[in-house]
Protein backbone atom coordinates (compact mmCIF):
# COMPACT_ATOMS: atom_id res chain seq x y z
CA MET A 1 46.07 14.48 18.34
CA ASN A 2 47.92 13.89 15.42
CA GLU A 3 46.66 15.36 11.70
CA THR A 4 49.05 12.88 9.90
CA THR A 5 47.42 10.23 10.41
CA TRP A 6 44.37 10.38 9.17
CA ARG A 7 43.41 10.77 5.49
CA LEU A 8 40.46 12.99 4.03
CA VAL A 9 37.18 10.86 3.24
CA LYS A 10 34.73 13.30 1.83
CA LYS A 11 33.79 17.03 2.56
CA ARG A 12 30.11 16.26 5.08
CA THR A 13 27.31 17.38 2.65
CA ALA A 14 24.60 17.70 4.89
CA ALA A 15 26.61 20.26 7.01
CA ASP A 16 30.05 21.96 7.22
CA GLY A 17 33.34 19.93 7.80
CA ALA A 18 34.66 16.95 6.41
CA VAL A 19 35.04 12.92 7.04
CA TYR A 20 38.64 11.04 7.98
CA VAL A 21 39.76 7.29 8.04
CA SER A 22 42.55 6.73 10.49
CA ALA A 23 45.34 5.10 8.77
CA ASP A 24 44.43 1.60 9.79
CA GLY A 25 41.20 1.91 8.80
CA ARG A 26 39.35 1.01 12.47
CA ARG A 27 38.12 4.97 13.00
CA TYR A 28 36.82 7.46 11.48
CA ARG A 29 37.18 11.23 12.35
CA ARG A 30 34.30 13.54 11.72
CA THR A 31 34.31 17.73 12.19
CA GLY A 32 31.60 20.19 11.84
CA GLY A 33 29.71 22.46 14.24
CA PRO A 34 26.62 22.57 16.74
CA GLU A 35 24.99 20.09 14.63
CA LEU A 36 27.65 17.50 14.52
CA GLN A 37 27.67 17.95 18.34
CA ALA A 38 24.19 17.08 19.01
CA GLU A 39 24.59 14.42 16.35
CA ALA A 40 27.31 12.79 18.74
CA THR A 41 25.58 13.32 21.87
CA PHE A 42 22.57 11.64 20.58
CA GLN A 43 24.90 8.74 19.70
CA ARG A 44 26.08 7.76 22.94
CA ARG A 45 22.67 7.85 24.35
CA ILE A 46 21.29 4.94 21.56
CA ALA A 47 24.62 3.34 21.35
CA ASP A 48 24.05 2.44 25.52
CA LEU A 49 20.26 1.39 24.15
CA ASP A 50 21.66 -1.17 22.05
CA TYR A 51 21.36 0.53 18.60
CA PRO A 52 23.70 -0.73 16.02
CA VAL A 53 25.66 2.21 15.89
CA PRO A 54 29.52 3.80 15.73
CA HIS A 55 30.44 3.93 19.50
CA VAL A 56 31.86 7.52 20.12
CA LEU A 57 35.99 6.89 21.00
CA GLU A 58 36.49 10.88 21.83
CA GLU A 59 34.87 14.12 21.17
CA GLY A 60 36.52 18.09 21.19
CA VAL A 61 37.19 21.00 19.50
CA THR A 62 40.00 21.53 17.11
CA ASP A 63 42.52 24.39 17.03
CA ASP A 64 40.11 26.33 14.42
CA GLY A 65 37.43 26.15 16.67
CA HIS A 66 34.98 23.35 15.17
CA TYR A 67 33.77 20.45 17.16
CA TYR A 68 35.56 17.20 16.47
CA VAL A 69 34.22 13.19 17.22
CA VAL A 70 36.26 10.03 16.44
CA GLU A 71 33.77 6.99 16.03
CA GLU A 72 34.67 3.39 15.83
CA SER A 73 34.23 1.98 12.08
CA LEU A 74 31.82 -0.19 11.11
CA GLY A 75 33.70 -0.88 7.62
CA ASP A 76 35.14 0.71 4.78
CA GLN A 77 31.92 0.04 2.50
CA THR A 78 27.92 0.81 3.05
CA LEU A 79 25.14 -1.84 1.39
CA HIS A 80 24.46 0.86 -1.36
CA GLU A 81 28.63 0.99 -2.02
CA ARG A 82 28.69 -2.58 -1.88
CA ALA A 83 25.44 -3.08 -4.15
CA VAL A 84 26.91 -0.99 -6.83
CA ALA A 85 29.95 -2.80 -7.04
CA ALA A 86 28.32 -5.78 -7.25
CA LEU A 87 25.88 -5.29 -10.23
CA ASP A 88 28.47 -6.39 -12.89
CA GLY A 89 26.50 -4.82 -15.72
CA GLY A 90 23.05 -5.90 -14.29
CA ARG A 91 20.79 -4.40 -12.06
CA ALA A 92 19.44 -6.71 -9.71
CA LEU A 93 20.73 -5.92 -6.04
CA ALA A 94 22.70 -9.59 -5.00
CA ASP A 95 20.24 -11.39 -2.31
CA ASP A 96 23.49 -10.98 0.04
CA ILE A 97 22.84 -7.41 0.36
CA THR A 98 18.89 -7.74 0.84
CA ASP A 99 19.70 -10.39 3.38
CA THR A 100 22.53 -8.19 5.36
CA ALA A 101 20.03 -5.48 5.02
CA ALA A 102 16.94 -7.22 6.86
CA GLN A 103 19.53 -8.28 9.79
CA VAL A 104 20.78 -5.14 10.48
CA ALA A 105 17.36 -3.59 10.37
CA ALA A 106 15.92 -6.15 12.65
CA ARG A 107 18.45 -5.41 14.73
CA LEU A 108 17.77 -1.52 15.35
CA LEU A 109 13.95 -2.71 14.65
CA ARG A 110 14.25 -4.66 18.02
CA ALA A 111 16.22 -1.73 19.79
CA GLN A 112 13.77 0.93 19.01
CA ALA A 113 10.79 -1.00 20.22
CA ALA A 114 12.38 -1.87 23.96
CA HIS A 115 13.12 1.83 24.23
CA ARG A 116 10.19 3.51 23.41
CA VAL A 117 9.43 6.99 24.03
CA GLU A 118 6.25 8.43 25.50
CA PRO A 119 4.24 10.58 23.13
CA THR A 120 2.68 13.93 23.60
CA PRO A 121 -0.05 15.71 22.07
CA GLY A 122 0.82 16.59 18.24
CA THR A 123 3.90 14.98 18.24
CA LEU A 124 3.07 12.30 15.64
CA ARG A 125 1.68 15.40 13.83
CA GLN A 126 5.35 17.06 13.97
CA TRP A 127 6.53 13.71 12.76
CA LEU A 128 4.33 13.71 9.63
CA GLU A 129 5.06 18.05 8.76
CA GLY A 130 8.77 17.20 9.46
CA ALA A 131 9.50 13.75 7.89
CA GLY A 132 7.91 14.68 4.91
CA PHE A 133 8.89 18.28 4.76
CA THR A 134 4.94 19.38 4.14
CA GLN A 135 5.88 23.02 4.44
CA ASN A 136 8.26 23.04 1.75
CA VAL A 137 6.65 20.75 -0.69
CA PHE A 138 3.27 22.46 -0.29
CA GLN A 139 4.56 25.63 -0.65
CA GLU A 140 6.54 24.51 -3.79
CA ASN A 141 3.73 23.18 -5.26
CA PRO A 142 0.45 24.69 -3.89
CA ASP A 143 -2.12 22.59 -6.12
CA LEU A 144 -1.03 19.57 -3.96
CA ASP A 145 -1.89 21.54 -1.20
CA ASN A 146 -5.92 20.15 -0.96
CA PRO A 147 -8.79 18.32 1.01
CA ARG A 148 -7.35 14.81 -0.83
CA THR A 149 -3.71 15.02 -0.09
CA HIS A 150 -4.92 16.03 3.81
CA ALA A 151 -7.82 13.41 4.21
CA ALA A 152 -4.96 10.88 2.97
CA LEU A 153 -2.26 12.03 5.61
CA ASP A 154 -5.02 12.16 8.40
CA HIS A 155 -6.50 8.49 7.46
CA ALA A 156 -2.25 7.72 7.44
CA LEU A 157 -1.84 9.42 10.81
CA ASP A 158 -4.78 7.51 12.32
CA ARG A 159 -3.47 4.17 11.58
CA LEU A 160 -0.15 5.13 12.87
CA ALA A 161 -2.19 6.52 16.10
CA THR A 162 -1.19 3.35 18.37
CA VAL A 163 2.04 2.65 17.08
CA PRO A 164 5.16 3.30 19.65
CA LEU A 165 7.33 6.16 18.88
CA VAL A 166 10.71 5.68 19.21
CA ARG A 167 14.16 7.33 18.50
CA GLY A 168 14.92 7.34 15.04
CA HIS A 169 17.20 8.40 12.52
CA LEU A 170 14.58 9.90 9.52
CA ASP A 171 17.39 9.34 6.41
CA TYR A 172 17.48 5.48 6.44
CA GLY A 173 18.39 3.87 3.73
CA LEU A 174 21.05 1.59 2.45
CA PRO A 175 24.04 4.35 2.26
CA ASN A 176 23.73 4.79 5.77
CA VAL A 177 23.55 1.00 6.63
CA LEU A 178 27.12 -1.48 6.73
CA PRO A 179 27.39 -4.92 7.38
CA THR A 180 27.28 -4.29 11.47
CA GLY A 181 25.40 -1.42 12.25
CA VAL A 182 23.93 2.48 11.37
CA ILE A 183 25.94 5.51 10.23
CA ASP A 184 25.13 9.57 9.85
CA TRP A 185 22.72 10.30 12.92
CA GLN A 186 22.33 13.86 11.86
CA HIS A 187 18.37 13.84 10.92
CA HIS A 188 17.55 12.37 14.28
CA GLY A 189 14.64 12.09 15.97
CA LEU A 190 11.07 10.73 17.06
CA VAL A 191 9.59 8.52 14.60
CA PRO A 192 7.02 5.63 14.83
CA LEU A 193 8.28 2.40 15.08
CA GLY A 194 9.31 0.84 11.46
CA TYR A 195 9.50 4.44 9.87
CA ASP A 196 13.41 4.22 9.36
CA VAL A 197 13.55 0.53 8.10
CA LEU A 198 10.44 -0.61 6.64
CA PRO A 199 10.67 1.53 3.42
CA ALA A 200 14.73 1.01 2.83
CA LEU A 201 14.26 -1.20 -0.21
CA GLU A 202 10.92 0.51 -1.45
CA ILE A 203 12.61 3.69 -1.49
CA ILE A 204 14.69 2.94 -4.10
CA ALA A 205 12.03 3.37 -6.85
CA PHE A 206 12.06 7.00 -6.13
CA LYS A 207 15.34 7.51 -7.24
CA GLY A 208 13.44 6.86 -10.56
CA GLY A 209 16.64 4.11 -11.83
CA THR A 210 19.53 6.36 -10.85
CA LYS A 211 20.67 4.07 -8.00
CA GLY A 212 22.04 1.53 -10.57
CA TYR A 213 19.79 -0.82 -8.51
CA THR A 214 16.70 -2.66 -7.91
CA ALA A 215 14.98 -5.07 -5.45
CA SER A 216 12.61 -7.91 -7.03
CA PRO A 217 9.34 -8.50 -5.47
CA GLY A 218 10.43 -11.57 -3.92
CA GLN A 219 13.30 -10.02 -2.12
CA ARG A 220 11.34 -6.95 -0.61
CA HIS A 221 8.78 -9.42 0.73
CA ARG A 222 11.45 -11.68 2.60
CA TYR A 223 13.22 -8.22 3.96
CA LEU A 224 9.75 -7.37 5.34
CA ALA A 225 8.99 -10.56 6.47
CA ALA A 226 12.06 -10.62 8.55
CA LEU A 227 11.13 -7.14 9.98
CA ASP A 228 7.40 -8.75 10.91
CA ASP A 229 9.29 -11.47 12.38
CA ALA A 230 11.62 -9.06 14.71
CA SER A 231 8.05 -7.06 15.42
CA ARG A 232 6.26 -9.72 16.79
CA THR A 233 9.15 -10.63 19.24
CA THR A 234 9.04 -7.56 20.59
CA THR A 235 5.52 -6.11 20.14
CA GLY A 236 3.65 -8.99 19.76
CA GLN A 237 2.18 -7.61 16.17
CA PRO A 238 3.34 -7.14 12.53
CA ILE A 239 4.69 -4.27 11.55
CA SER A 240 4.41 -4.33 7.67
CA GLN A 241 1.14 -3.05 7.84
CA ASN A 242 2.23 0.39 8.40
CA LEU A 243 4.35 0.24 4.84
CA GLY A 244 1.47 2.14 2.86
CA ALA A 245 1.34 5.28 5.66
CA TYR A 246 4.68 5.50 5.81
CA LEU A 247 5.78 5.33 1.89
CA LEU A 248 2.91 8.54 1.50
CA VAL A 249 5.22 10.30 3.84
CA LYS A 250 8.39 9.31 1.70
CA ALA A 251 6.25 10.50 -1.09
CA LEU A 252 6.28 13.89 -0.07
CA PHE A 253 9.89 13.58 1.06
CA PHE A 254 11.39 13.21 -1.89
CA LEU A 255 9.35 16.23 -3.70
CA ALA A 256 10.54 18.48 -1.20
CA LEU A 257 13.32 20.84 -2.63
CA MET A 258 12.77 19.55 -5.98
CA ARG A 259 10.82 22.70 -8.23
CA PRO A 260 13.84 24.42 -10.03
CA ALA A 261 14.67 28.37 -9.32
CA ASP A 262 15.62 28.33 -13.12
CA PRO A 263 12.62 27.32 -15.33
CA SER A 264 14.93 26.54 -18.15
CA ARG A 265 16.65 23.91 -16.23
CA THR A 266 14.75 21.47 -18.38
CA ASP A 267 17.04 18.37 -16.84
CA LYS A 268 15.48 19.51 -13.16
CA ASN A 269 12.22 20.37 -14.09
CA LEU A 270 11.86 16.66 -15.24
CA LYS A 271 12.82 15.15 -12.04
CA TRP A 272 10.82 17.71 -10.19
CA GLN A 273 7.55 16.65 -12.55
CA TYR A 274 8.63 13.37 -12.24
CA ARG A 275 9.01 13.31 -7.94
CA ARG A 276 5.22 14.73 -8.37
CA HIS A 277 3.75 12.04 -10.89
CA LEU A 278 4.87 9.29 -8.18
CA VAL A 279 3.49 11.48 -5.31
CA THR A 280 0.18 11.49 -7.48
CA LYS A 281 0.74 7.57 -8.02
CA GLY A 282 1.05 7.19 -4.55
CA LEU A 283 -1.98 9.14 -3.36
CA GLU A 284 -4.02 6.83 -5.45
CA GLN A 285 -2.75 4.01 -4.26
CA TYR A 286 -3.05 4.61 -0.91
CA GLU A 287 -6.87 5.80 -1.40
CA ARG A 288 -7.48 2.54 -2.98
CA THR A 289 -6.00 -0.21 -0.74
CA GLY A 290 -4.62 1.14 2.11
CA THR A 291 -1.06 0.92 0.76
CA VAL A 292 1.62 2.01 -2.36
CA ASP A 293 3.41 -0.44 -4.54
CA THR A 294 6.22 1.27 -5.53
CA ALA A 295 6.94 -1.95 -8.20
CA LEU A 296 3.88 0.20 -9.97
CA PHE A 297 5.83 3.21 -10.56
CA PRO A 298 7.56 4.19 -13.67
CA GLY A 299 11.12 4.69 -13.67
CA LEU A 300 12.84 8.05 -14.96
CA GLU A 301 13.39 7.10 -18.45
CA GLU A 302 10.02 5.82 -19.00
CA PHE A 303 8.36 8.78 -17.29
CA ALA A 304 10.48 11.02 -19.61
CA ALA A 305 9.49 9.30 -22.39
CA GLY A 306 5.72 9.59 -21.45
CA HIS A 307 6.22 13.25 -20.63
CA SER A 308 7.40 14.26 -24.42
CA ALA A 309 4.80 12.21 -25.60
CA GLY A 310 2.06 14.22 -23.41
CA ASP A 311 0.76 10.66 -21.93
CA HIS A 312 1.33 12.87 -18.30
CA PRO A 313 1.82 16.17 -17.23
């Protein structure tokens, strides 16, 4: 392959390697190791199941021994990039962004629901521990490794016991969504139906305002309604009733790997404490209502002001 036809886009953040785009913008080339090869194999499989993903066009080994994969382009801007570009000094997400997000999410949900995976004993708990990075969270935050937390998580698993397991993304969000599909499947695995797509607008709140944009209650409602409609056509049941359980897991996910190694790093310590606070808020809400309302989460600046004033630990 002629290397001069490829322009470097970025170094890969989740693994070794880089991403390149062709001169005409119609193909992307990624390099990496065995994890990229496993991702490409998975991506081929789900493309055959009508998942909205880029088709793998070519794969092989470079002269220096790295694996590479070439796939079709789904566009040059993710919905996250489009959202940031459209802010125009404000913080509200444009309606066309959330509506497009709902359309892509519904396509993915329908494909997932049409190709369920037979569970084995312990599969759902394995998903919880992997998706929530629970081992790391409890290691870094031993005070959260308590009967209350485990009771809430056990309750969530009980609620999800009858939800179909499907092949999932595990890192789904606007940064991985384009108007015609979903990219970056390196963290793929089995998930309960809806785990990928339902929290996509809700998880913006876990960034504390640092994403630059927020989704309104109306946008979040329309998004969930679109997914309920898609779920009814494939399973006969709405899916949004599982959002609270999924957000409990997401709260743990966003706390993982946050404890700073250097206690003097006040900026990192603040973000760690903030994510701990969101876990606590999520637990309180889930215990009371069986769901989690991210609209009630404070932003990072609001938390920082209260933190300095001693309003919360």
